[in-house]
Amino acid sequence: MAPSGYILSAIKLLPLIASALCAALPASNANAGTAVSGIKDITPRDVQFTRAFNQWQLLDNNPATIAAVTSDSTLYQLHKTGFIWRYTGTPLTGWQLLDNNPASKKIAASGGNLYQLHNTGFIWRYTGTPLTGWQLLDNNPASIDIVASGGALYQLHKTGFIWRYTGTPLTGWQLLDNNPATIDIVANGGDLYQLHNTGFTWKYTGTPLTGWQLLDNNPLTKQIAAGAAGFFQIHKTGAIWKYVSPPLTGWQQLDDNPASINILAANSLYQLHNTGFLWRFTG
């Protein structure tokens, strides 16, 4: 049975032109056996595929995109050139350049704040002026990842250590965990999650170092995402899952497209394909 929200094969098998063509046909032509000049008969299954495919809206198709993050209703993307862009509301063309530093390798956003991580380990906060308005928050070369949510900023070191920013640039960082297996962190509101190199996913329960709850132990998990839309994981196969509880068994499948390489979540769930196409889930 297909996951709730859309039919899995629709995204993989229907090209954009076929989707647009089917959607434009009158409802009467959706019946099997109805002749359409120049086109083979359209079956109810074709229409079902089209409706499923149309649950994703294309916002950008730039192959330079390597990551995207959201804060409330604002969407940002990072290019492989280090350029950082903010979505202004018009699909494909509505993107504003915020920074063009080739050292940028990761971005995070929360509560109106945008952050970036450089390949030097430096962490910066956007202060409102495109290109020049960036404040240095940390300069530790061990930093390999950052996430932000609920007004909080976290960083992950290559040692597996997880830190929370307490408000003082450079010195204000609190240690939350020191497990060398940690490879990914995400956050939503007051919740912080981590992924181990074993595929295990954990939720922070509030006590530094010891307060972590196991949510899943699937070795296929390669990345996690969290937002108002929920907590999600993507497998090495491209399959995307949503946590619906309880721990270990409470996971619902949303997609299984092998082109999917990255997911992010806020009020909606987004996925990035290896083509650079960015999609929003509407199911």
Protein backbone atom coordinates (compact mmCIF):
# COMPACT_ATOMS: atom_id res chain seq x y z
CA MET A 1 0.00 0.00 0.00
CA ALA A 2 1.33 3.44 -0.90
CA PRO A 3 2.29 5.82 1.92
CA SER A 4 -0.31 8.38 2.93
CA GLY A 5 -0.23 11.64 0.98
CA TYR A 6 0.79 10.48 -2.51
CA ILE A 7 1.63 7.47 -4.68
CA LEU A 8 5.33 6.67 -4.53
CA SER A 9 5.79 5.78 -8.20
CA ALA A 10 4.32 9.08 -9.34
CA ILE A 11 7.38 11.12 -8.48
CA LYS A 12 9.77 8.58 -9.93
CA LEU A 13 8.02 7.70 -13.17
CA LEU A 14 6.10 10.71 -14.43
CA PRO A 15 8.09 13.46 -16.14
CA LEU A 16 7.02 17.07 -15.65
CA ILE A 17 5.61 17.37 -19.16
CA ALA A 18 3.40 14.30 -18.72
CA SER A 19 2.12 15.60 -15.40
CA ALA A 20 1.22 18.97 -16.87
CA LEU A 21 -0.43 17.35 -19.90
CA CYS A 22 -2.60 14.99 -17.86
CA ALA A 23 -3.60 17.72 -15.44
CA ALA A 24 -4.76 19.88 -18.33
CA LEU A 25 -7.09 17.26 -19.79
CA PRO A 26 -10.84 17.37 -19.07
CA ALA A 27 -12.08 15.10 -16.32
CA SER A 28 -14.08 13.11 -18.87
CA ASN A 29 -10.86 11.95 -20.51
CA ALA A 30 -9.72 10.28 -17.31
CA ASN A 31 -11.87 7.25 -18.03
CA ALA A 32 -10.06 4.22 -19.35
CA GLY A 33 -10.69 3.69 -23.03
CA THR A 34 -11.41 7.34 -23.82
CA ALA A 35 -9.68 8.27 -27.05
CA VAL A 36 -7.48 11.38 -27.08
CA SER A 37 -6.03 12.34 -30.43
CA GLY A 38 -2.29 11.70 -30.56
CA ILE A 39 -2.15 10.26 -27.04
CA LYS A 40 -2.70 6.73 -25.78
CA ASP A 41 -5.68 6.14 -23.50
CA ILE A 42 -5.43 7.76 -20.07
CA THR A 43 -6.39 5.47 -17.21
CA PRO A 44 -7.60 6.34 -13.71
CA ARG A 45 -4.17 5.21 -12.50
CA ASP A 46 -2.54 7.88 -14.71
CA VAL A 47 -4.73 10.54 -13.14
CA GLN A 48 -3.94 9.20 -9.68
CA PHE A 49 -0.21 9.45 -10.47
CA THR A 50 -0.68 13.03 -11.66
CA ARG A 51 -2.53 14.14 -8.56
CA ALA A 52 0.13 12.56 -6.39
CA PHE A 53 2.95 14.20 -8.34
CA ASN A 54 1.25 17.59 -8.01
CA GLN A 55 1.51 17.45 -4.23
CA TRP A 56 5.08 18.75 -4.62
CA GLN A 57 5.67 22.36 -5.77
CA LEU A 58 8.96 23.21 -7.49
CA LEU A 59 10.61 26.27 -5.89
CA ASP A 60 14.03 26.19 -7.59
CA ASN A 61 15.91 24.06 -10.10
CA ASN A 62 19.48 25.27 -9.71
CA PRO A 63 21.95 22.33 -9.78
CA ALA A 64 24.36 24.37 -7.61
CA THR A 65 22.10 23.91 -4.57
CA ILE A 66 23.60 21.63 -1.92
CA ALA A 67 21.49 22.46 1.15
CA ALA A 68 18.38 24.32 2.28
CA VAL A 69 16.97 25.37 5.67
CA THR A 70 13.84 27.10 6.92
CA SER A 71 12.84 29.40 9.78
CA ASP A 72 9.11 29.88 10.25
CA SER A 73 7.96 30.74 6.71
CA THR A 74 11.38 31.80 5.39
CA LEU A 75 13.42 29.44 3.21
CA TYR A 76 17.16 29.68 2.54
CA GLN A 77 19.49 27.71 0.30
CA LEU A 78 23.25 27.23 0.05
CA HIS A 79 25.08 26.74 -3.24
CA LYS A 80 28.28 24.75 -3.72
CA THR A 81 29.97 28.09 -4.45
CA GLY A 82 29.25 29.20 -0.87
CA PHE A 83 26.54 31.62 -1.98
CA ILE A 84 23.59 31.91 0.42
CA TRP A 85 20.13 32.86 -0.86
CA ARG A 86 16.76 33.78 0.72
CA TYR A 87 13.48 32.85 -0.98
CA THR A 88 11.32 35.94 -1.55
CA GLY A 89 8.15 34.20 -2.70
CA THR A 90 8.31 33.69 -6.47
CA PRO A 91 9.13 30.10 -7.55
CA LEU A 92 12.37 29.73 -9.56
CA THR A 93 13.23 33.46 -9.82
CA GLY A 94 12.57 34.89 -6.34
CA TRP A 95 15.88 34.41 -4.53
CA GLN A 96 17.94 37.18 -2.80
CA LEU A 97 21.71 36.85 -2.34
CA LEU A 98 22.78 37.20 1.32
CA ASP A 99 26.43 36.10 1.17
CA ASN A 100 29.00 34.97 -1.41
CA ASN A 101 31.78 33.54 0.76
CA PRO A 102 33.28 30.36 -0.77
CA ALA A 103 34.19 29.14 2.75
CA SER A 104 30.50 28.62 3.62
CA LYS A 105 29.63 24.93 3.91
CA LYS A 106 26.49 24.81 6.11
CA ILE A 107 23.56 27.06 7.02
CA ALA A 108 20.98 26.98 9.83
CA ALA A 109 18.04 29.20 10.76
CA SER A 110 15.62 29.80 13.65
CA GLY A 111 13.47 32.57 15.06
CA GLY A 112 14.44 35.09 12.40
CA ASN A 113 18.15 34.30 12.77
CA LEU A 114 20.30 32.83 10.00
CA TYR A 115 23.65 31.20 10.72
CA GLN A 116 26.44 29.83 8.59
CA LEU A 117 29.40 27.53 9.23
CA HIS A 118 32.68 27.94 7.33
CA ASN A 119 35.09 25.17 6.41
CA THR A 120 37.43 26.71 8.98
CA GLY A 121 34.96 25.92 11.78
CA PHE A 122 33.96 29.57 12.17
CA ILE A 123 30.27 30.17 12.95
CA TRP A 124 28.52 33.39 11.90
CA ARG A 125 25.10 35.01 12.49
CA TYR A 126 23.39 37.18 9.85
CA THR A 127 22.63 40.67 11.21
CA GLY A 128 20.48 41.95 8.35
CA THR A 129 22.75 43.50 5.71
CA PRO A 130 23.32 41.30 2.63
CA LEU A 131 26.97 40.31 2.03
CA THR A 132 28.54 42.35 4.89
CA GLY A 133 26.26 41.83 7.90
CA TRP A 134 27.68 38.75 9.64
CA GLN A 135 28.74 38.41 13.34
CA LEU A 136 31.34 35.84 14.49
CA LEU A 137 30.00 33.49 17.22
CA ASP A 138 32.72 30.83 17.37
CA ASN A 139 36.08 30.04 15.76
CA ASN A 140 36.67 26.40 16.77
CA PRO A 141 38.21 24.37 13.90
CA ALA A 142 36.58 21.21 15.31
CA SER A 143 33.09 22.40 14.30
CA ILE A 144 31.59 20.37 11.46
CA ASP A 145 27.86 21.09 11.76
CA ILE A 146 25.33 23.59 13.13
CA VAL A 147 21.56 23.50 13.71
CA ALA A 148 19.15 26.06 15.13
CA SER A 149 15.60 25.96 16.50
CA GLY A 150 13.44 27.60 19.15
CA GLY A 151 15.92 30.45 19.47
CA ALA A 152 18.74 28.02 20.28
CA LEU A 153 21.90 27.34 18.26
CA TYR A 154 23.83 24.06 18.47
CA GLN A 155 27.08 22.87 16.96
CA LEU A 156 28.61 19.43 16.42
CA HIS A 157 32.35 18.81 16.60
CA LYS A 158 34.23 16.16 14.64
CA THR A 159 34.84 14.46 17.99
CA GLY A 160 31.09 13.86 18.34
CA PHE A 161 30.73 16.55 21.01
CA ILE A 162 27.47 18.55 20.91
CA TRP A 163 27.36 22.14 22.18
CA ARG A 164 24.58 24.70 22.79
CA TYR A 165 25.20 28.43 22.37
CA THR A 166 24.40 30.37 25.57
CA GLY A 167 24.65 33.90 24.18
CA THR A 168 28.25 35.06 24.50
CA PRO A 169 30.25 35.03 21.24
CA LEU A 170 33.30 32.71 21.24
CA THR A 171 33.08 31.59 24.90
CA GLY A 172 29.39 30.90 25.54
CA TRP A 173 28.98 27.21 24.64
CA GLN A 174 27.57 24.41 26.90
CA LEU A 175 28.50 20.74 26.36
CA LEU A 176 25.43 18.46 25.92
CA ASP A 177 27.00 15.19 24.76
CA ASN A 178 30.43 13.72 24.05
CA ASN A 179 29.67 10.52 22.11
CA PRO A 180 32.17 9.92 19.24
CA ALA A 181 29.48 8.02 17.26
CA THR A 182 27.48 11.19 16.62
CA ILE A 183 27.44 12.28 12.96
CA ASP A 184 24.34 14.49 12.65
CA ILE A 185 22.17 16.77 14.81
CA VAL A 186 18.80 18.49 14.22
CA ALA A 187 16.45 20.52 16.40
CA ASN A 188 12.86 21.75 16.61
CA GLY A 189 11.50 24.06 19.29
CA GLY A 190 12.86 22.72 22.54
CA ASP A 191 13.76 19.34 21.08
CA LEU A 192 17.26 18.30 19.98
CA TYR A 193 18.02 15.06 18.14
CA GLN A 194 21.20 13.27 17.10
CA LEU A 195 22.13 10.51 14.64
CA HIS A 196 24.90 8.00 15.26
CA ASN A 197 27.06 6.32 12.63
CA THR A 198 25.19 3.10 13.48
CA GLY A 199 21.91 4.60 12.25
CA PHE A 200 20.60 5.03 15.80
CA THR A 201 18.56 8.20 16.40
CA TRP A 202 18.27 9.87 19.81
CA LYS A 203 16.25 12.67 21.44
CA TYR A 204 17.70 14.97 24.11
CA THR A 205 15.62 14.89 27.31
CA GLY A 206 17.29 17.78 29.13
CA THR A 207 20.21 16.42 31.13
CA PRO A 208 23.65 17.12 29.62
CA LEU A 209 25.65 13.99 28.67
CA THR A 210 23.20 11.36 30.04
CA GLY A 211 19.75 12.57 28.98
CA TRP A 212 19.21 10.93 25.57
CA GLN A 213 16.27 8.69 24.52
CA LEU A 214 16.62 6.10 21.70
CA LEU A 215 13.98 6.59 18.95
CA ASP A 216 15.22 4.22 16.22
CA ASN A 217 18.03 1.75 15.54
CA ASN A 218 17.83 1.30 11.76
CA PRO A 219 21.32 1.07 10.17
CA LEU A 220 19.98 2.48 6.86
CA THR A 221 19.35 5.94 8.31
CA LYS A 222 21.77 8.51 6.86
CA GLN A 223 20.19 11.87 7.84
CA ILE A 224 17.52 13.30 10.14
CA ALA A 225 15.36 16.45 10.06
CA ALA A 226 12.99 18.12 12.52
CA GLY A 227 10.44 20.94 12.42
CA ALA A 228 6.86 21.85 13.21
CA ALA A 229 5.86 19.25 10.61
CA GLY A 230 7.51 16.54 12.71
CA PHE A 231 10.71 14.49 13.06
CA PHE A 232 11.92 12.70 9.93
CA GLN A 233 14.70 10.44 8.69
CA ILE A 234 15.97 9.55 5.22
CA HIS A 235 17.54 6.19 4.43
CA LYS A 236 20.44 5.39 2.12
CA THR A 237 17.83 4.14 -0.37
CA GLY A 238 16.16 7.56 -0.56
CA ALA A 239 13.17 6.40 1.50
CA ILE A 240 11.76 9.13 3.78
CA TRP A 241 10.08 8.34 7.10
CA LYS A 242 8.15 10.35 9.71
CA TYR A 243 8.25 9.59 13.43
CA VAL A 244 4.73 9.06 14.77
CA SER A 245 5.74 7.28 18.02
CA PRO A 246 6.37 5.06 19.91
CA PRO A 247 10.17 4.72 19.88
CA LEU A 248 11.65 2.09 17.51
CA THR A 249 8.37 1.01 15.83
CA GLY A 250 6.49 4.27 15.24
CA TRP A 251 7.68 5.32 11.76
CA GLN A 252 5.49 6.15 8.71
CA GLN A 253 6.90 6.03 5.15
CA LEU A 254 6.36 9.14 2.98
CA ASP A 255 8.53 8.55 -0.10
CA ASP A 256 11.03 6.10 -1.63
CA ASN A 257 12.66 8.10 -4.43
CA PRO A 258 16.34 7.12 -4.91
CA ALA A 259 17.08 10.64 -6.22
CA SER A 260 16.46 12.09 -2.75
CA ILE A 261 19.70 13.13 -1.05
CA ASN A 262 18.63 15.60 1.64
CA ILE A 263 15.59 16.51 3.72
CA LEU A 264 14.67 19.49 5.90
CA ALA A 265 11.63 20.33 7.97
CA ALA A 266 9.87 23.36 9.46
CA ASN A 267 6.16 24.03 8.94
CA SER A 268 6.51 21.75 5.89
CA LEU A 269 8.77 18.89 4.85
CA TYR A 270 11.18 19.47 1.95
CA GLN A 271 13.45 17.15 0.00
CA LEU A 272 16.37 17.87 -2.31
CA HIS A 273 17.14 15.63 -5.29
CA ASN A 274 20.56 14.94 -6.79
CA THR A 275 19.40 16.99 -9.80
CA GLY A 276 19.25 20.12 -7.62
CA PHE A 277 15.46 20.14 -7.69
CA LEU A 278 13.84 21.18 -4.39
CA TRP A 279 10.38 19.85 -3.47
CA ARG A 280 7.80 20.62 -0.75
CA PHE A 281 5.50 17.89 0.59
CA THR A 282 1.82 18.86 0.52
CA GLY A 283 0.22 15.58 1.59
